[in-house]
Every structure is written in structure tokens, then in C-alpha cells.
Amino acid sequence: VWPMSVIMRALTSDDDAEIMHCLHTLKVSANGTGLMHESFFYDDYQRFTRAHFAWANTLFGELVLDLSRRKPHLLFGEEVAFDWLEALEEDDEMLVLEDDVAMRSTQPRT
């Protein structure tokens, strides 16, 4: 089984149960390493190819980011009402405003 195929299944699904099944499969197939493998045997997660596979690790990161935006309750629980991406965008807007004020204060007056 290719972890990348399991990740793509989760990325393209809207079904919470299916996504949770994919996350569980990815977790147990990582076999305690915290990394995605190139492939694993469907009947024995202890047997896998490549101890870590950067492409699959990167795609898993994309899945986590996608779910944190699209379905945060699957990662953080039902009580999560905080939209971290919206807060980050607000922080960026504040930085732009602060930079604009700083630029105006350093420019010579005409």
C-alpha cells in the first residue's frame, strides 16, 4: 500500500469517517517513526519500504494543513472554533499596516 494513495484518498474525501480511517491507517503504518514510508504491506505494517519518503511526508503535511482549514474538528476536536488561518491573515494585515506607518514616519515631509 502506498501512503501517498491513502493521503490522496483523505484529501479528496468529504466523509469524516473515511478521512478518520485514512488518518488511522497513516498513523499505524508509520510504525512509531513519525514519518511516512514509501509503501507498507497491507497485512503487516511492520514491513515497509524506505524508512522515510520525503514526497509522502510532504504530501502528509499538505493533508494536515488542508484538514486544519477544511475540517479542524477531525484534528483538534469538536470544541475548536478558532480559525488559525484567518487569525494569521489578520496578523499579516496588521504587519502591513505597521510597515505602512513606519514607512510614512521615515519619509521626509514635503
PDB file of N, CA and C in Angstrom:
ATOM      1  N   VAL A   1       0.851  -1.175   0.000  1.00  0.00           N
ATOM      2  CA  VAL A   1       0.000   0.000   0.000  1.00  0.00           C
ATOM      3  C   VAL A   1       0.895   1.235   0.000  1.00  0.00           C
ATOM      4  N   TRP A   2       0.555   2.214  -0.795  1.00  0.00           N
ATOM      5  CA  TRP A   2       1.302   3.468  -0.819  1.00  0.00           C
ATOM      6  C   TRP A   2       0.633   4.479   0.093  1.00  0.00           C
ATOM      7  N   PRO A   3       1.335   4.985   1.093  1.00  0.00           N
ATOM      8  CA  PRO A   3       0.759   6.029   1.941  1.00  0.00           C
ATOM      9  C   PRO A   3       0.265   7.226   1.131  1.00  0.00           C
ATOM     10  N   MET A   4       0.945   7.528   0.040  1.00  0.00           N
ATOM     11  CA  MET A   4       0.505   8.659  -0.779  1.00  0.00           C
ATOM     12  C   MET A   4      -0.911   8.445  -1.315  1.00  0.00           C
ATOM     13  N   SER A   5      -1.269   7.203  -1.616  1.00  0.00           N
ATOM     14  CA  SER A   5      -2.627   6.939  -2.102  1.00  0.00           C
ATOM     15  C   SER A   5      -3.637   7.109  -0.976  1.00  0.00           C
ATOM     16  N   VAL A   6      -3.261   6.750   0.232  1.00  0.00           N
ATOM     17  CA  VAL A   6      -4.142   6.933   1.391  1.00  0.00           C
ATOM     18  C   VAL A   6      -4.314   8.431   1.668  1.00  0.00           C
ATOM     19  N   ILE A   7      -3.232   9.179   1.549  1.00  0.00           N
ATOM     20  CA  ILE A   7      -3.295  10.630   1.752  1.00  0.00           C
ATOM     21  C   ILE A   7      -4.205  11.267   0.706  1.00  0.00           C
ATOM     22  N   MET A   8      -4.063  10.880  -0.548  1.00  0.00           N
ATOM     23  CA  MET A   8      -4.904  11.439  -1.607  1.00  0.00           C
ATOM     24  C   MET A   8      -6.374  11.084  -1.391  1.00  0.00           C
ATOM     25  N   ARG A   9      -6.620   9.899  -0.887  1.00  0.00           N
ATOM     26  CA  ARG A   9      -7.997   9.499  -0.575  1.00  0.00           C
ATOM     27  C   ARG A   9      -8.585  10.449   0.466  1.00  0.00           C
ATOM     28  N   ALA A  10      -7.793  10.775   1.491  1.00  0.00           N
ATOM     29  CA  ALA A  10      -8.263  11.696   2.539  1.00  0.00           C
ATOM     30  C   ALA A  10      -8.431  13.112   1.986  1.00  0.00           C
ATOM     31  N   LEU A  11      -7.503  13.542   1.143  1.00  0.00           N
ATOM     32  CA  LEU A  11      -7.574  14.892   0.578  1.00  0.00           C
ATOM     33  C   LEU A  11      -8.806  15.097  -0.305  1.00  0.00           C
ATOM     34  N   THR A  12      -9.251  14.039  -0.943  1.00  0.00           N
ATOM     35  CA  THR A  12     -10.361  14.164  -1.897  1.00  0.00           C
ATOM     36  C   THR A  12     -11.698  13.739  -1.309  1.00  0.00           C
ATOM     37  N   SER A  13     -11.721  13.407  -0.034  1.00  0.00           N
ATOM     38  CA  SER A  13     -12.957  12.966   0.607  1.00  0.00           C
ATOM     39  C   SER A  13     -13.581  14.078   1.436  1.00  0.00           C
ATOM     40  N   ASP A  14     -14.902  14.063   1.515  1.00  0.00           N
ATOM     41  CA  ASP A  14     -15.635  14.948   2.421  1.00  0.00           C
ATOM     42  C   ASP A  14     -16.256  14.162   3.567  1.00  0.00           C
ATOM     43  N   ASP A  15     -16.102  12.854   3.548  1.00  0.00           N
ATOM     44  CA  ASP A  15     -16.695  11.983   4.558  1.00  0.00           C
ATOM     45  C   ASP A  15     -15.775  11.881   5.777  1.00  0.00           C
ATOM     46  N   ASP A  16     -16.250  12.353   6.917  1.00  0.00           N
ATOM     47  CA  ASP A  16     -15.428  12.371   8.129  1.00  0.00           C
ATOM     48  C   ASP A  16     -14.930  10.982   8.516  1.00  0.00           C
ATOM     49  N   ALA A  17     -15.800   9.978   8.418  1.00  0.00           N
ATOM     50  CA  ALA A  17     -15.406   8.621   8.800  1.00  0.00           C
ATOM     51  C   ALA A  17     -14.304   8.087   7.890  1.00  0.00           C
ATOM     52  N   GLU A  18     -14.421   8.358   6.607  1.00  0.00           N
ATOM     53  CA  GLU A  18     -13.401   7.909   5.658  1.00  0.00           C
ATOM     54  C   GLU A  18     -12.060   8.604   5.928  1.00  0.00           C
ATOM     55  N   ILE A  19     -12.121   9.903   6.195  1.00  0.00           N
ATOM     56  CA  ILE A  19     -10.894  10.652   6.484  1.00  0.00           C
ATOM     57  C   ILE A  19     -10.249  10.139   7.757  1.00  0.00           C
ATOM     58  N   MET A  20     -11.056   9.885   8.786  1.00  0.00           N
ATOM     59  CA  MET A  20     -10.510   9.364  10.048  1.00  0.00           C
ATOM     60  C   MET A  20      -9.889   7.977   9.843  1.00  0.00           C
ATOM     61  N   HIS A  21     -10.498   7.172   8.997  1.00  0.00           N
ATOM     62  CA  HIS A  21      -9.932   5.855   8.688  1.00  0.00           C
ATOM     63  C   HIS A  21      -8.565   6.019   8.013  1.00  0.00           C
ATOM     64  N   CYS A  22      -8.478   6.969   7.095  1.00  0.00           N
ATOM     65  CA  CYS A  22      -7.201   7.238   6.426  1.00  0.00           C
ATOM     66  C   CYS A  22      -6.149   7.712   7.433  1.00  0.00           C
ATOM     67  N   LEU A  23      -6.529   8.632   8.316  1.00  0.00           N
ATOM     68  CA  LEU A  23      -5.583   9.124   9.325  1.00  0.00           C
ATOM     69  C   LEU A  23      -5.107   7.991  10.230  1.00  0.00           C
ATOM     70  N   HIS A  24      -6.030   7.111  10.617  1.00  0.00           N
ATOM     71  CA  HIS A  24      -5.648   5.969  11.451  1.00  0.00           C
ATOM     72  C   HIS A  24      -4.672   5.054  10.702  1.00  0.00           C
ATOM     73  N   THR A  25      -4.966   4.776   9.451  1.00  0.00           N
ATOM     74  CA  THR A  25      -4.090   3.926   8.645  1.00  0.00           C
ATOM     75  C   THR A  25      -2.702   4.543   8.533  1.00  0.00           C
ATOM     76  N   LEU A  26      -2.639   5.841   8.295  1.00  0.00           N
ATOM     77  CA  LEU A  26      -1.341   6.519   8.171  1.00  0.00           C
ATOM     78  C   LEU A  26      -0.578   6.487   9.495  1.00  0.00           C
ATOM     79  N   LYS A  27      -1.300   6.664  10.585  1.00  0.00           N
ATOM     80  CA  LYS A  27      -0.650   6.659  11.900  1.00  0.00           C
ATOM     81  C   LYS A  27      -0.051   5.292  12.215  1.00  0.00           C
ATOM     82  N   VAL A  28      -0.832   4.247  12.046  1.00  0.00           N
ATOM     83  CA  VAL A  28      -0.305   2.922  12.390  1.00  0.00           C
ATOM     84  C   VAL A  28       0.748   2.453  11.397  1.00  0.00           C
ATOM     85  N   SER A  29       0.622   2.865  10.131  1.00  0.00           N
ATOM     86  CA  SER A  29       1.603   2.433   9.139  1.00  0.00           C
ATOM     87  C   SER A  29       2.941   3.147   9.308  1.00  0.00           C
ATOM     88  N   ALA A  30       2.942   4.297   9.978  1.00  0.00           N
ATOM     89  CA  ALA A  30       4.202   4.997  10.253  1.00  0.00           C
ATOM     90  C   ALA A  30       5.026   4.220  11.273  1.00  0.00           C
ATOM     91  N   ASN A  31       4.362   3.313  11.976  1.00  0.00           N
ATOM     92  CA  ASN A  31       5.052   2.359  12.840  1.00  0.00           C
ATOM     93  C   ASN A  31       5.904   3.039  13.925  1.00  0.00           C
ATOM     94  N   GLY A  32       5.378   4.152  14.456  1.00  0.00           N
ATOM     95  CA  GLY A  32       6.075   4.838  15.540  1.00  0.00           C
ATOM     96  C   GLY A  32       7.232   5.719  15.115  1.00  0.00           C
ATOM     97  N   THR A  33       7.495   5.813  13.822  1.00  0.00           N
ATOM     98  CA  THR A  33       8.627   6.622  13.357  1.00  0.00           C
ATOM     99  C   THR A  33       8.263   8.094  13.224  1.00  0.00           C
ATOM    100  N   GLY A  34       6.961   8.381  13.089  1.00  0.00           N
ATOM    101  CA  GLY A  34       6.543   9.755  12.851  1.00  0.00           C
ATOM    102  C   GLY A  34       6.765  10.186  11.410  1.00  0.00           C
ATOM    103  N   LEU A  35       7.117   9.250  10.547  1.00  0.00           N
ATOM    104  CA  LEU A  35       7.393   9.555   9.135  1.00  0.00           C
ATOM    105  C   LEU A  35       6.600   8.618   8.236  1.00  0.00           C
ATOM    106  N   MET A  36       6.299   9.094   7.041  1.00  0.00           N
ATOM    107  CA  MET A  36       5.623   8.263   6.060  1.00  0.00           C
ATOM    108  C   MET A  36       6.655   7.417   5.320  1.00  0.00           C
ATOM    109  N   HIS A  37       6.269   6.198   5.015  1.00  0.00           N
ATOM    110  CA  HIS A  37       7.123   5.300   4.236  1.00  0.00           C
ATOM    111  C   HIS A  37       6.719   5.375   2.766  1.00  0.00           C
ATOM    112  N   GLU A  38       7.549   4.802   1.934  1.00  0.00           N
ATOM    113  CA  GLU A  38       7.206   4.734   0.515  1.00  0.00           C
ATOM    114  C   GLU A  38       6.016   3.801   0.322  1.00  0.00           C
ATOM    115  N   SER A  39       6.062   2.655   0.986  1.00  0.00           N
ATOM    116  CA  SER A  39       4.961   1.700   0.928  1.00  0.00           C
ATOM    117  C   SER A  39       5.013   0.828   2.176  1.00  0.00           C
ATOM    118  N   PHE A  40       3.894   0.169   2.447  1.00  0.00           N
ATOM    119  CA  PHE A  40       3.837  -0.788   3.559  1.00  0.00           C
ATOM    120  C   PHE A  40       2.978  -1.972   3.131  1.00  0.00           C
ATOM    121  N   PHE A  41       3.178  -3.100   3.792  1.00  0.00           N
ATOM    122  CA  PHE A  41       2.408  -4.293   3.487  1.00  0.00           C
ATOM    123  C   PHE A  41       1.048  -4.186   4.157  1.00  0.00           C
ATOM    124  N   TYR A  42      -0.019  -4.456   3.408  1.00  0.00           N
ATOM    125  CA  TYR A  42      -1.379  -4.278   3.922  1.00  0.00           C
ATOM    126  C   TYR A  42      -1.674  -5.155   5.126  1.00  0.00           C
ATOM    127  N   ASP A  43      -0.993  -6.282   5.238  1.00  0.00           N
ATOM    128  CA  ASP A  43      -1.277  -7.199   6.345  1.00  0.00           C
ATOM    129  C   ASP A  43      -0.209  -7.178   7.440  1.00  0.00           C
ATOM    130  N   ASP A  44       0.812  -6.334   7.277  1.00  0.00           N
ATOM    131  CA  ASP A  44       1.870  -6.236   8.282  1.00  0.00           C
ATOM    132  C   ASP A  44       2.542  -4.865   8.179  1.00  0.00           C
ATOM    133  N   TYR A  45       2.051  -3.910   8.992  1.00  0.00           N
ATOM    134  CA  TYR A  45       2.585  -2.546   8.949  1.00  0.00           C
ATOM    135  C   TYR A  45       4.055  -2.477   9.346  1.00  0.00           C
ATOM    136  N   GLN A  46       4.563  -3.528   9.978  1.00  0.00           N
ATOM    137  CA  GLN A  46       5.970  -3.560  10.381  1.00  0.00           C
ATOM    138  C   GLN A  46       6.890  -3.685   9.163  1.00  0.00           C
ATOM    139  N   ARG A  47       6.353  -4.156   8.049  1.00  0.00           N
ATOM    140  CA  ARG A  47       7.144  -4.319   6.829  1.00  0.00           C
ATOM    141  C   ARG A  47       6.842  -3.160   5.888  1.00  0.00           C
ATOM    142  N   PHE A  48       7.887  -2.428   5.540  1.00  0.00           N
ATOM    143  CA  PHE A  48       7.706  -1.259   4.689  1.00  0.00           C
ATOM    144  C   PHE A  48       8.961  -1.028   3.860  1.00  0.00           C
ATOM    145  N   THR A  49       8.814  -0.202   2.837  1.00  0.00           N
ATOM    146  CA  THR A  49       9.970   0.209   2.034  1.00  0.00           C
ATOM    147  C   THR A  49      10.309   1.651   2.390  1.00  0.00           C
ATOM    148  N   ARG A  50      11.569   1.957   2.402  1.00  0.00           N
ATOM    149  CA  ARG A  50      12.119   3.269   2.773  1.00  0.00           C
ATOM    150  C   ARG A  50      11.640   3.696   4.170  1.00  0.00           C
ATOM    151  N   ALA A  51      12.584   3.902   5.035  1.00  0.00           N
ATOM    152  CA  ALA A  51      12.264   4.324   6.405  1.00  0.00           C
ATOM    153  C   ALA A  51      11.525   5.655   6.410  1.00  0.00           C
ATOM    154  N   HIS A  52      11.853   6.516   5.484  1.00  0.00           N
ATOM    155  CA  HIS A  52      11.078   7.742   5.299  1.00  0.00           C
ATOM    156  C   HIS A  52      11.143   8.116   3.824  1.00  0.00           C
ATOM    157  N   PHE A  53      10.092   8.747   3.377  1.00  0.00           N
ATOM    158  CA  PHE A  53       9.947   9.090   1.964  1.00  0.00           C
ATOM    159  C   PHE A  53       9.474  10.537   1.902  1.00  0.00           C
ATOM    160  N   ALA A  54      10.375  11.441   1.533  1.00  0.00           N
ATOM    161  CA  ALA A  54      10.116  12.888   1.615  1.00  0.00           C
ATOM    162  C   ALA A  54       8.861  13.304   0.855  1.00  0.00           C
ATOM    163  N   TRP A  55       8.621  12.737  -0.281  1.00  0.00           N
ATOM    164  CA  TRP A  55       7.449  13.102  -1.071  1.00  0.00           C
ATOM    165  C   TRP A  55       6.173  12.801  -0.284  1.00  0.00           C
ATOM    166  N   ALA A  56       6.113  11.606   0.306  1.00  0.00           N
ATOM    167  CA  ALA A  56       4.938  11.237   1.102  1.00  0.00           C
ATOM    168  C   ALA A  56       4.839  12.089   2.368  1.00  0.00           C
ATOM    169  N   ASN A  57       5.979  12.394   2.997  1.00  0.00           N
ATOM    170  CA  ASN A  57       5.969  13.253   4.182  1.00  0.00           C
ATOM    171  C   ASN A  57       5.424  14.640   3.844  1.00  0.00           C
ATOM    172  N   THR A  58       5.840  15.171   2.710  1.00  0.00           N
ATOM    173  CA  THR A  58       5.381  16.494   2.281  1.00  0.00           C
ATOM    174  C   THR A  58       3.882  16.484   1.984  1.00  0.00           C
ATOM    175  N   LEU A  59       3.436  15.453   1.300  1.00  0.00           N
ATOM    176  CA  LEU A  59       2.015  15.343   0.986  1.00  0.00           C
ATOM    177  C   LEU A  59       1.193  15.181   2.267  1.00  0.00           C
ATOM    178  N   PHE A  60       1.729  14.471   3.252  1.00  0.00           N
ATOM    179  CA  PHE A  60       1.046  14.342   4.538  1.00  0.00           C
ATOM    180  C   PHE A  60       0.916  15.719   5.204  1.00  0.00           C
ATOM    181  N   GLY A  61       1.965  16.528   5.114  1.00  0.00           N
ATOM    182  CA  GLY A  61       1.896  17.893   5.635  1.00  0.00           C
ATOM    183  C   GLY A  61       0.791  18.691   4.961  1.00  0.00           C
ATOM    184  N   GLU A  62       0.648  18.508   3.649  1.00  0.00           N
ATOM    185  CA  GLU A  62      -0.431  19.164   2.915  1.00  0.00           C
ATOM    186  C   GLU A  62      -1.793  18.710   3.435  1.00  0.00           C
ATOM    187  N   LEU A  63      -1.901  17.427   3.750  1.00  0.00           N
ATOM    188  CA  LEU A  63      -3.156  16.896   4.293  1.00  0.00           C
ATOM    189  C   LEU A  63      -3.473  17.542   5.635  1.00  0.00           C
ATOM    190  N   VAL A  64      -2.492  17.652   6.495  1.00  0.00           N
ATOM    191  CA  VAL A  64      -2.713  18.255   7.808  1.00  0.00           C
ATOM    192  C   VAL A  64      -3.162  19.707   7.646  1.00  0.00           C
ATOM    193  N   LEU A  65      -2.496  20.455   6.776  1.00  0.00           N
ATOM    194  CA  LEU A  65      -2.893  21.844   6.541  1.00  0.00           C
ATOM    195  C   LEU A  65      -4.299  21.924   5.961  1.00  0.00           C
ATOM    196  N   ASP A  66      -4.605  21.053   5.013  1.00  0.00           N
ATOM    197  CA  ASP A  66      -5.934  21.028   4.402  1.00  0.00           C
ATOM    198  C   ASP A  66      -7.000  20.747   5.448  1.00  0.00           C
ATOM    199  N   LEU A  67      -6.778  19.732   6.274  1.00  0.00           N
ATOM    200  CA  LEU A  67      -7.777  19.373   7.271  1.00  0.00           C
ATOM    201  C   LEU A  67      -7.899  20.431   8.362  1.00  0.00           C
ATOM    202  N   SER A  68      -6.800  21.089   8.693  1.00  0.00           N
ATOM    203  CA  SER A  68      -6.879  22.123   9.722  1.00  0.00           C
ATOM    204  C   SER A  68      -7.748  23.287   9.261  1.00  0.00           C
ATOM    205  N   ARG A  69      -7.846  23.476   7.969  1.00  0.00           N
ATOM    206  CA  ARG A  69      -8.694  24.538   7.414  1.00  0.00           C
ATOM    207  C   ARG A  69     -10.095  24.016   7.114  1.00  0.00           C
ATOM    208  N   ARG A  70     -10.172  22.870   6.477  1.00  0.00           N
ATOM    209  CA  ARG A  70     -11.436  22.344   5.964  1.00  0.00           C
ATOM    210  C   ARG A  70     -12.244  21.589   7.010  1.00  0.00           C
ATOM    211  N   LYS A  71     -11.564  20.843   7.870  1.00  0.00           N
ATOM    212  CA  LYS A  71     -12.243  20.014   8.873  1.00  0.00           C
ATOM    213  C   LYS A  71     -11.429  19.985  10.168  1.00  0.00           C
ATOM    214  N   PRO A  72     -11.287  21.135  10.817  1.00  0.00           N
ATOM    215  CA  PRO A  72     -10.433  21.195  12.009  1.00  0.00           C
ATOM    216  C   PRO A  72     -10.893  20.288  13.141  1.00  0.00           C
ATOM    217  N   HIS A  73     -12.190  19.997  13.212  1.00  0.00           N
ATOM    218  CA  HIS A  73     -12.697  19.138  14.283  1.00  0.00           C
ATOM    219  C   HIS A  73     -12.106  17.727  14.222  1.00  0.00           C
ATOM    220  N   LEU A  74     -11.683  17.293  13.035  1.00  0.00           N
ATOM    221  CA  LEU A  74     -11.078  15.961  12.925  1.00  0.00           C
ATOM    222  C   LEU A  74      -9.685  15.916  13.552  1.00  0.00           C
ATOM    223  N   LEU A  75      -9.002  17.034  13.557  1.00  0.00           N
ATOM    224  CA  LEU A  75      -7.652  17.088  14.128  1.00  0.00           C
ATOM    225  C   LEU A  75      -7.646  17.572  15.568  1.00  0.00           C
ATOM    226  N   PHE A  76      -8.515  18.533  15.879  1.00  0.00           N
ATOM    227  CA  PHE A  76      -8.431  19.215  17.165  1.00  0.00           C
ATOM    228  C   PHE A  76      -9.615  18.974  18.085  1.00  0.00           C
ATOM    229  N   GLY A  77     -10.667  18.337  17.606  1.00  0.00           N
ATOM    230  CA  GLY A  77     -11.849  18.086  18.422  1.00  0.00           C
ATOM    231  C   GLY A  77     -12.988  19.025  18.071  1.00  0.00           C
ATOM    232  N   GLU A  78     -14.163  18.689  18.538  1.00  0.00           N
ATOM    233  CA  GLU A  78     -15.386  19.427  18.210  1.00  0.00           C
ATOM    234  C   GLU A  78     -15.408  20.844  18.761  1.00  0.00           C
ATOM    235  N   GLU A  79     -14.737  21.086  19.893  1.00  0.00           N
ATOM    236  CA  GLU A  79     -14.836  22.385  20.552  1.00  0.00           C
ATOM    237  C   GLU A  79     -14.021  23.475  19.861  1.00  0.00           C
ATOM    238  N   VAL A  80     -13.287  23.115  18.828  1.00  0.00           N
ATOM    239  CA  VAL A  80     -12.438  24.096  18.160  1.00  0.00           C
ATOM    240  C   VAL A  80     -13.296  25.038  17.330  1.00  0.00           C
ATOM    241  N   ALA A  81     -13.212  26.302  17.665  1.00  0.00           N
ATOM    242  CA  ALA A  81     -13.918  27.312  16.892  1.00  0.00           C
ATOM    243  C   ALA A  81     -12.929  28.323  16.323  1.00  0.00           C
ATOM    244  N   PHE A  82     -11.674  28.156  16.637  1.00  0.00           N
ATOM    245  CA  PHE A  82     -10.638  29.098  16.249  1.00  0.00           C
ATOM    246  C   PHE A  82     -10.149  28.784  14.845  1.00  0.00           C
ATOM    247  N   ASP A  83     -10.214  29.750  13.977  1.00  0.00           N
ATOM    248  CA  ASP A  83      -9.723  29.597  12.608  1.00  0.00           C
ATOM    249  C   ASP A  83      -8.317  30.180  12.554  1.00  0.00           C
ATOM    250  N   TRP A  84      -7.306  29.320  12.665  1.00  0.00           N
ATOM    251  CA  TRP A  84      -5.919  29.784  12.743  1.00  0.00           C
ATOM    252  C   TRP A  84      -5.491  30.499  11.469  1.00  0.00           C
ATOM    253  N   LEU A  85      -6.004  30.071  10.328  1.00  0.00           N
ATOM    254  CA  LEU A  85      -5.597  30.699   9.081  1.00  0.00           C
ATOM    255  C   LEU A  85      -6.158  32.120   8.992  1.00  0.00           C
ATOM    256  N   GLU A  86      -7.399  32.292   9.439  1.00  0.00           N
ATOM    257  CA  GLU A  86      -7.981  33.629   9.455  1.00  0.00           C
ATOM    258  C   GLU A  86      -7.198  34.535  10.403  1.00  0.00           C
ATOM    259  N   ALA A  87      -6.807  34.011  11.558  1.00  0.00           N
ATOM    260  CA  ALA A  87      -6.018  34.792  12.512  1.00  0.00           C
ATOM    261  C   ALA A  87      -4.665  35.161  11.920  1.00  0.00           C
ATOM    262  N   LEU A  88      -4.060  34.247  11.181  1.00  0.00           N
ATOM    263  CA  LEU A  88      -2.780  34.518  10.546  1.00  0.00           C
ATOM    264  C   LEU A  88      -2.921  35.618   9.499  1.00  0.00           C
ATOM    265  N   GLU A  89      -3.995  35.565   8.730  1.00  0.00           N
ATOM    266  CA  GLU A  89      -4.237  36.602   7.731  1.00  0.00           C
ATOM    267  C   GLU A  89      -4.445  37.957   8.405  1.00  0.00           C
ATOM    268  N   GLU A  90      -5.136  37.975   9.548  1.00  0.00           N
ATOM    269  CA  GLU A  90      -5.319  39.224  10.284  1.00  0.00           C
ATOM    270  C   GLU A  90      -3.972  39.751  10.773  1.00  0.00           C
ATOM    271  N   ASP A  91      -3.097  38.863  11.250  1.00  0.00           N
ATOM    272  CA  ASP A  91      -1.764  39.270  11.679  1.00  0.00           C
ATOM    273  C   ASP A  91      -0.990  39.882  10.515  1.00  0.00           C
ATOM    274  N   ASP A  92      -1.093  39.281   9.334  1.00  0.00           N
ATOM    275  CA  ASP A  92      -0.418  39.817   8.152  1.00  0.00           C
ATOM    276  C   ASP A  92      -0.928  41.209   7.819  1.00  0.00           C
ATOM    277  N   GLU A  93      -2.244  41.420   7.936  1.00  0.00           N
ATOM    278  CA  GLU A  93      -2.803  42.741   7.675  1.00  0.00           C
ATOM    279  C   GLU A  93      -2.253  43.756   8.671  1.00  0.00           C
ATOM    280  N   MET A  94      -2.112  43.355   9.933  1.00  0.00           N
ATOM    281  CA  MET A  94      -1.559  44.258  10.941  1.00  0.00           C
ATOM    282  C   MET A  94      -0.111  44.594  10.622  1.00  0.00           C
ATOM    283  N   LEU A  95       0.649  43.618  10.157  1.00  0.00           N
ATOM    284  CA  LEU A  95       2.042  43.879   9.801  1.00  0.00           C
ATOM    285  C   LEU A  95       2.131  44.872   8.650  1.00  0.00           C
ATOM    286  N   VAL A  96       1.253  44.725   7.676  1.00  0.00           N
ATOM    287  CA  VAL A  96       1.242  45.648   6.541  1.00  0.00           C
ATOM    288  C   VAL A  96       0.924  47.049   7.035  1.00  0.00           C
ATOM    289  N   LEU A  97      -0.073  47.177   7.924  1.00  0.00           N
ATOM    290  CA  LEU A  97      -0.416  48.485   8.477  1.00  0.00           C
ATOM    291  C   LEU A  97       0.752  49.069   9.259  1.00  0.00           C
ATOM    292  N   GLU A  98       1.415  48.240  10.071  1.00  0.00           N
ATOM    293  CA  GLU A  98       2.558  48.718  10.852  1.00  0.00           C
ATOM    294  C   GLU A  98       3.701  49.147   9.936  1.00  0.00           C
ATOM    295  N   ASP A  99       3.953  48.383   8.869  1.00  0.00           N
ATOM    296  CA  ASP A  99       5.000  48.743   7.914  1.00  0.00           C
ATOM    297  C   ASP A  99       4.668  50.053   7.223  1.00  0.00           C
ATOM    298  N   ASP A 100       3.389  50.246   6.876  1.00  0.00           N
ATOM    299  CA  ASP A 100       2.960  51.467   6.209  1.00  0.00           C
ATOM    300  C   ASP A 100       3.168  52.674   7.124  1.00  0.00           C
ATOM    301  N   VAL A 101       2.814  52.533   8.392  1.00  0.00           N
ATOM    302  CA  VAL A 101       3.004  53.615   9.358  1.00  0.00           C
ATOM    303  C   VAL A 101       4.493  53.896   9.524  1.00  0.00           C
ATOM    304  N   ALA A 102       5.294  52.852   9.622  1.00  0.00           N
ATOM    305  CA  ALA A 102       6.737  53.020   9.785  1.00  0.00           C
ATOM    306  C   ALA A 102       7.342  53.710   8.571  1.00  0.00           C
ATOM    307  N   MET A 103       6.877  53.352   7.361  1.00  0.00           N
ATOM    308  CA  MET A 103       7.415  53.985   6.156  1.00  0.00           C
ATOM    309  C   MET A 103       7.036  55.470   6.101  1.00  0.00           C
ATOM    310  N   ARG A 104       5.784  55.767   6.475  1.00  0.00           N
ATOM    311  CA  ARG A 104       5.361  57.167   6.444  1.00  0.00           C
ATOM    312  C   ARG A 104       6.134  57.997   7.457  1.00  0.00           C
ATOM    313  N   SER A 105       6.485  57.411   8.600  1.00  0.00           N
ATOM    314  CA  SER A 105       7.189  58.185   9.617  1.00  0.00           C
ATOM    315  C   SER A 105       8.661  58.412   9.279  1.00  0.00           C
ATOM    316  N   THR A 106       9.227  57.611   8.373  1.00  0.00           N
ATOM    317  CA  THR A 106      10.629  57.769   7.994  1.00  0.00           C
ATOM    318  C   THR A 106      10.804  58.562   6.720  1.00  0.00           C
ATOM    319  N   GLN A 107       9.709  58.816   5.981  1.00  0.00           N
ATOM    320  CA  GLN A 107       9.819  59.580   4.744  1.00  0.00           C
ATOM    321  C   GLN A 107       9.862  61.075   5.060  1.00  0.00           C
ATOM    322  N   PRO A 108      10.686  61.816   4.345  1.00  0.00           N
ATOM    323  CA  PRO A 108      10.745  63.260   4.579  1.00  0.00           C
ATOM    324  C   PRO A 108       9.424  63.919   4.202  1.00  0.00           C
ATOM    325  N   ARG A 109       9.060  64.915   4.981  1.00  0.00           N
ATOM    326  CA  ARG A 109       7.813  65.639   4.687  1.00  0.00           C
ATOM    327  C   ARG A 109       8.062  66.620   3.541  1.00  0.00           C
ATOM    328  N   THR A 110       7.055  66.780   2.705  1.00  0.00           N
ATOM    329  CA  THR A 110       7.187  67.707   1.582  1.00  0.00           C
ATOM    330  C   THR A 110       6.338  68.930   1.772  1.00  0.00           C
TER     331      THR A 110
END
